[in-house]
Protein backbone atom coordinates (compact mmCIF):
# COMPACT_ATOMS: atom_id res chain seq x y z
CA UNK A 1 0.00 0.00 0.00
CA UNK A 2 2.81 2.42 0.84
CA UNK A 3 4.31 1.86 -2.60
CA UNK A 4 0.99 2.79 -4.28
CA UNK A 5 0.78 5.94 -2.20
CA UNK A 6 4.26 7.02 -3.34
CA UNK A 7 3.26 6.37 -6.96
CA UNK A 8 0.14 8.52 -6.51
CA UNK A 9 2.21 11.36 -5.08
CA UNK A 10 4.59 11.07 -8.01
CA UNK A 11 1.66 11.18 -10.44
CA UNK A 12 0.24 14.23 -8.66
CA UNK A 13 3.62 15.95 -8.80
CA UNK A 14 3.90 15.22 -12.52
CA UNK A 15 0.42 16.63 -13.13
CA UNK A 16 1.25 19.80 -11.21
CA UNK A 17 4.52 20.19 -13.12
CA UNK A 18 2.68 19.82 -16.41
CA UNK A 19 0.11 22.40 -15.35
CA UNK A 20 2.93 24.83 -14.51
CA UNK A 21 4.62 24.10 -17.84
CA UNK A 22 1.39 24.71 -19.76
CA UNK A 23 0.88 27.94 -17.81
CA UNK A 24 4.37 29.12 -18.78
CA UNK A 25 3.72 28.32 -22.45
CA UNK A 26 0.39 30.16 -22.26
CA UNK A 27 2.10 33.29 -20.94
CA UNK A 28 4.41 33.43 -23.96
CA UNK A 29 1.57 32.59 -26.29
CA UNK A 30 -0.40 35.60 -25.04
CA UNK A 31 2.58 37.80 -25.90
CA UNK A 32 2.77 36.25 -29.39
CA UNK A 33 -0.96 36.78 -29.87
CA UNK A 34 -0.76 40.43 -28.81
CA UNK A 35 2.25 41.18 -31.01
CA UNK A 36 0.60 39.34 -33.91
CA UNK A 37 -2.51 41.49 -33.56
CA UNK A 38 -0.34 44.59 -33.49
CA UNK A 39 1.44 43.47 -36.67
CA UNK A 40 -1.84 42.64 -38.37
CA UNK A 41 -3.11 46.17 -37.78
CA UNK A 42 0.18 47.63 -39.02
CA UNK A 43 0.08 45.48 -42.16
CA UNK A 44 -3.54 46.36 -42.88
CA UNK A 45 -2.79 50.08 -42.76
CA UNK A 46 0.28 49.79 -45.00
CA UNK A 47 -0.51 50.02 -48.70
CA UNK A 48 2.95 48.64 -49.62
CA UNK A 49 2.18 45.26 -48.04
CA UNK A 50 0.68 42.67 -50.34
CA UNK A 51 -2.43 40.61 -49.66
CA UNK A 52 -0.32 37.46 -49.43
CA UNK A 53 1.60 38.84 -46.44
CA UNK A 54 -1.64 39.92 -44.76
CA UNK A 55 -3.08 36.43 -45.26
CA UNK A 56 0.07 34.88 -43.76
CA UNK A 57 -0.25 37.07 -40.70
CA UNK A 58 -3.90 36.01 -40.35
CA UNK A 59 -2.86 32.34 -40.55
CA UNK A 60 -0.31 32.89 -37.81
CA UNK A 61 -2.94 34.45 -35.56
CA UNK A 62 -5.36 31.58 -36.23
CA UNK A 63 -2.65 29.03 -35.40
CA UNK A 64 -1.78 30.84 -32.17
CA UNK A 65 -5.46 30.86 -31.22
CA UNK A 66 -5.77 27.10 -31.84
CA UNK A 67 -2.64 26.43 -29.77
CA UNK A 68 -4.11 28.52 -26.95
CA UNK A 69 -7.35 26.53 -27.07
CA UNK A 70 -5.43 23.25 -27.00
CA UNK A 71 -3.43 24.42 -23.99
CA UNK A 72 -6.60 25.50 -22.20
CA UNK A 73 -8.27 22.16 -22.89
CA UNK A 74 -5.25 20.26 -21.57
CA UNK A 75 -5.07 22.43 -18.44
CA UNK A 76 -8.79 21.80 -17.85
CA UNK A 77 -8.24 18.03 -18.13
CA UNK A 78 -5.34 18.13 -15.69
CA UNK A 79 -7.31 20.34 -13.32
CA UNK A 80 -10.30 18.00 -13.34
CA UNK A 81 -8.06 14.99 -12.74
CA UNK A 82 -6.38 16.77 -9.85
CA UNK A 83 -9.78 17.52 -8.31
CA UNK A 84 -10.91 13.91 -8.82
CA UNK A 85 -7.71 12.66 -7.15
CA UNK A 86 -8.46 14.82 -4.10
CA UNK A 87 -12.02 13.50 -3.75
């Protein structure tokens, strides 16, 4: 029984480490999203920038948004598992 308890603590520690890691990634992703939005506005107001470049910027912003949603979903899963472990 004591061995199982140590394994559970190790699993809990791993889950908490992953949650911290995902949080750290999310922080940098928010910066990327903000700077991408800034660049999008700058590109849209610049007549010398082609439509292709504007479309590429839009694709980047969409990809960043999807990554953010994936991170949020994973954090939610880990959070719910942590709560279930405590119950």
